[in-house]
C-alpha atoms as a PDB file:
ATOM      1  CA  MET A   1      19.758  17.138  27.309  1.00  0.00           C
ATOM      2  CA  PRO A   2      20.359  18.304  23.625  1.00  0.00           C
ATOM      3  CA  GLU A   3      17.523  18.431  21.106  1.00  0.00           C
ATOM      4  CA  PRO A   4      17.419  15.734  18.798  1.00  0.00           C
ATOM      5  CA  GLU A   5      17.397  16.332  14.914  1.00  0.00           C
ATOM      6  CA  THR A   6      14.143  16.370  13.643  1.00  0.00           C
ATOM      7  CA  THR A   7      15.044  16.732  10.034  1.00  0.00           C
ATOM      8  CA  LYS A   8      17.868  15.622   7.775  1.00  0.00           C
ATOM      9  CA  GLU A   9      19.047  16.456   4.602  1.00  0.00           C
ATOM     10  CA  LEU A  10      18.879  13.142   2.075  1.00  0.00           C
ATOM     11  CA  PRO A  11      21.414  12.622  -0.615  1.00  0.00           C
ATOM     12  CA  PRO A  12      20.225  12.681  -4.222  1.00  0.00           C
ATOM     13  CA  LEU A  13      18.370   9.772  -5.512  1.00  0.00           C
ATOM     14  CA  ALA A  14      20.204   7.675  -7.864  1.00  0.00           C
ATOM     15  CA  PRO A  15      19.434   7.996 -11.485  1.00  0.00           C
ATOM     16  CA  GLU A  16      17.544   5.096 -13.278  1.00  0.00           C
ATOM     17  CA  LYS A  17      16.797   2.918 -10.515  1.00  0.00           C
ATOM     18  CA  LEU A  18      14.203   0.693  -9.154  1.00  0.00           C
ATOM     19  CA  ALA A  19      13.497   0.190  -5.502  1.00  0.00           C
ATOM     20  CA  VAL A  20      11.162  -2.003  -3.747  1.00  0.00           C
ATOM     21  CA  SER A  21      10.075  -1.923   0.164  1.00  0.00           C
ATOM     22  CA  LEU A  22       7.838  -4.245   2.087  1.00  0.00           C
ATOM     23  CA  ALA A  23       5.846  -3.298   5.275  1.00  0.00           C
ATOM     24  CA  GLU A  24       3.499  -4.827   7.639  1.00  0.00           C
ATOM     25  CA  GLY A  25       0.744  -3.067   8.097  1.00  0.00           C
ATOM     26  CA  TRP A  26      -2.389  -4.077  10.600  1.00  0.00           C
ATOM     27  CA  ARG A  27      -4.258  -5.671   7.633  1.00  0.00           C
ATOM     28  CA  GLY A  28      -1.115  -7.328   5.823  1.00  0.00           C
ATOM     29  CA  GLU A  29       1.614  -6.542   3.695  1.00  0.00           C
ATOM     30  CA  ILE A  30       2.216  -2.777   2.259  1.00  0.00           C
ATOM     31  CA  CYS A  31       4.548  -2.885  -1.128  1.00  0.00           C
ATOM     32  CA  HIS A  32       6.256   0.710  -1.939  1.00  0.00           C
ATOM     33  CA  VAL A  33       7.835   0.613  -5.390  1.00  0.00           C
ATOM     34  CA  ALA A  34      10.042   3.914  -6.444  1.00  0.00           C
ATOM     35  CA  LEU A  35      11.240   4.131  -9.964  1.00  0.00           C
ATOM     36  CA  THR A  36      13.657   7.428 -10.720  1.00  0.00           C
ATOM     37  CA  ASN A  37      14.363   8.626 -14.271  1.00  0.00           C
ATOM     38  CA  SER A  38      17.864   9.884 -15.699  1.00  0.00           C
ATOM     39  CA  THR A  39      18.044  12.781 -13.656  1.00  0.00           C
ATOM     40  CA  GLY A  40      17.546  11.036 -10.195  1.00  0.00           C
ATOM     41  CA  GLN A  41      14.054  12.832  -9.724  1.00  0.00           C
ATOM     42  CA  LEU A  42      11.093   9.917  -9.251  1.00  0.00           C
ATOM     43  CA  ARG A  43       9.369   9.185 -12.211  1.00  0.00           C
ATOM     44  CA  ARG A  44       6.834   6.765 -10.435  1.00  0.00           C
ATOM     45  CA  TYR A  45       5.989   5.841  -6.972  1.00  0.00           C
ATOM     46  CA  LYS A  46       3.134   2.979  -6.317  1.00  0.00           C
ATOM     47  CA  ILE A  47       1.806   1.665  -2.872  1.00  0.00           C
ATOM     48  CA  THR A  48       0.060  -1.167  -2.902  1.00  0.00           C
ATOM     49  CA  ASP A  49      -2.259  -2.076   0.198  1.00  0.00           C
ATOM     50  CA  PRO A  50      -3.362  -5.434   1.493  1.00  0.00           C
ATOM     51  CA  SER A  51      -6.670  -4.656   0.701  1.00  0.00           C
ATOM     52  CA  PHE A  52      -5.868  -4.610  -2.852  1.00  0.00           C
ATOM     53  CA  HIS A  53      -5.356  -8.080  -3.223  1.00  0.00           C
ATOM     54  CA  ASN A  54      -8.092  -9.471  -1.117  1.00  0.00           C
ATOM     55  CA  TRP A  55     -11.277  -7.623  -2.929  1.00  0.00           C
ATOM     56  CA  MET A  56     -11.262 -10.696  -5.604  1.00  0.00           C
ATOM     57  CA  GLY A  57     -11.742 -13.103  -2.152  1.00  0.00           C
ATOM     58  CA  LEU A  58     -14.643 -10.967  -1.039  1.00  0.00           C
ATOM     59  CA  ALA A  59     -15.791 -11.271  -4.680  1.00  0.00           C
ATOM     60  CA  LEU A  60     -15.541 -14.912  -4.745  1.00  0.00           C
ATOM     61  CA  ALA A  61     -17.067 -15.525  -1.040  1.00  0.00           C
ATOM     62  CA  MET A  62     -19.979 -13.197  -2.576  1.00  0.00           C
ATOM     63  CA  ARG A  63     -20.349 -15.481  -5.303  1.00  0.00           C
ATOM     64  CA  ASN A  64     -24.343 -16.949  -5.546  1.00  0.00           C
ATOM     65  CA  GLU A  65     -25.352 -14.713  -2.299  1.00  0.00           C
ATOM     66  CA  ALA A  66     -27.607 -12.412  -2.022  1.00  0.00           C
ATOM     67  CA  ILE A  67     -26.666  -8.753  -2.172  1.00  0.00           C
ATOM     68  CA  SER A  68     -27.943  -8.032   1.446  1.00  0.00           C
ATOM     69  CA  ASP A  69     -25.289 -10.379   2.641  1.00  0.00           C
ATOM     70  CA  PHE A  70     -22.589  -8.146   1.503  1.00  0.00           C
ATOM     71  CA  PRO A  71     -22.173  -5.638   4.415  1.00  0.00           C
ATOM     72  CA  ILE A  72     -21.542  -8.856   6.736  1.00  0.00           C
ATOM     73  CA  CYS A  73     -19.146 -10.551   4.469  1.00  0.00           C
ATOM     74  CA  ASN A  74     -17.516  -6.968   3.733  1.00  0.00           C
ATOM     75  CA  LYS A  75     -17.022  -6.733   7.417  1.00  0.00           C
ATOM     76  CA  SER A  76     -15.719 -10.262   7.845  1.00  0.00           C
ATOM     77  CA  PHE A  77     -12.743  -9.293   5.193  1.00  0.00           C
ATOM     78  CA  ASN A  78     -12.625  -5.744   6.989  1.00  0.00           C
ATOM     79  CA  LEU A  79     -11.054  -4.310   3.768  1.00  0.00           C
ATOM     80  CA  SER A  80     -10.067  -0.877   3.128  1.00  0.00           C
ATOM     81  CA  TYR A  81     -12.411   0.933   0.439  1.00  0.00           C
ATOM     82  CA  CYS A  82      -9.827   3.741  -0.732  1.00  0.00           C
ATOM     83  CA  GLY A  83      -6.754   1.591  -0.399  1.00  0.00           C
ATOM     84  CA  PHE A  84      -5.136   3.507   2.528  1.00  0.00           C
ATOM     85  CA  ASP A  85      -4.234   0.820   4.990  1.00  0.00           C
ATOM     86  CA  LEU A  86      -1.074   2.720   5.626  1.00  0.00           C
END
């Protein structure tokens, strides 16, 4: 059986382009956004995980509640602290 190719040379990135990709993670939707500059190099790359959007929900759920209830509420939402649900 031939060995599979493990790496492949990619073509250069197109200049001045925007690319958006959505992938499903175990907590929900993960969004990747890439922006290239005039020479085709990455100018900006941003990843947003599902927890980013759901921290506001936890804040609303905790409104007028005792701070001692935070661990239980936090585990109910099961959010990522550092934003790495990837």
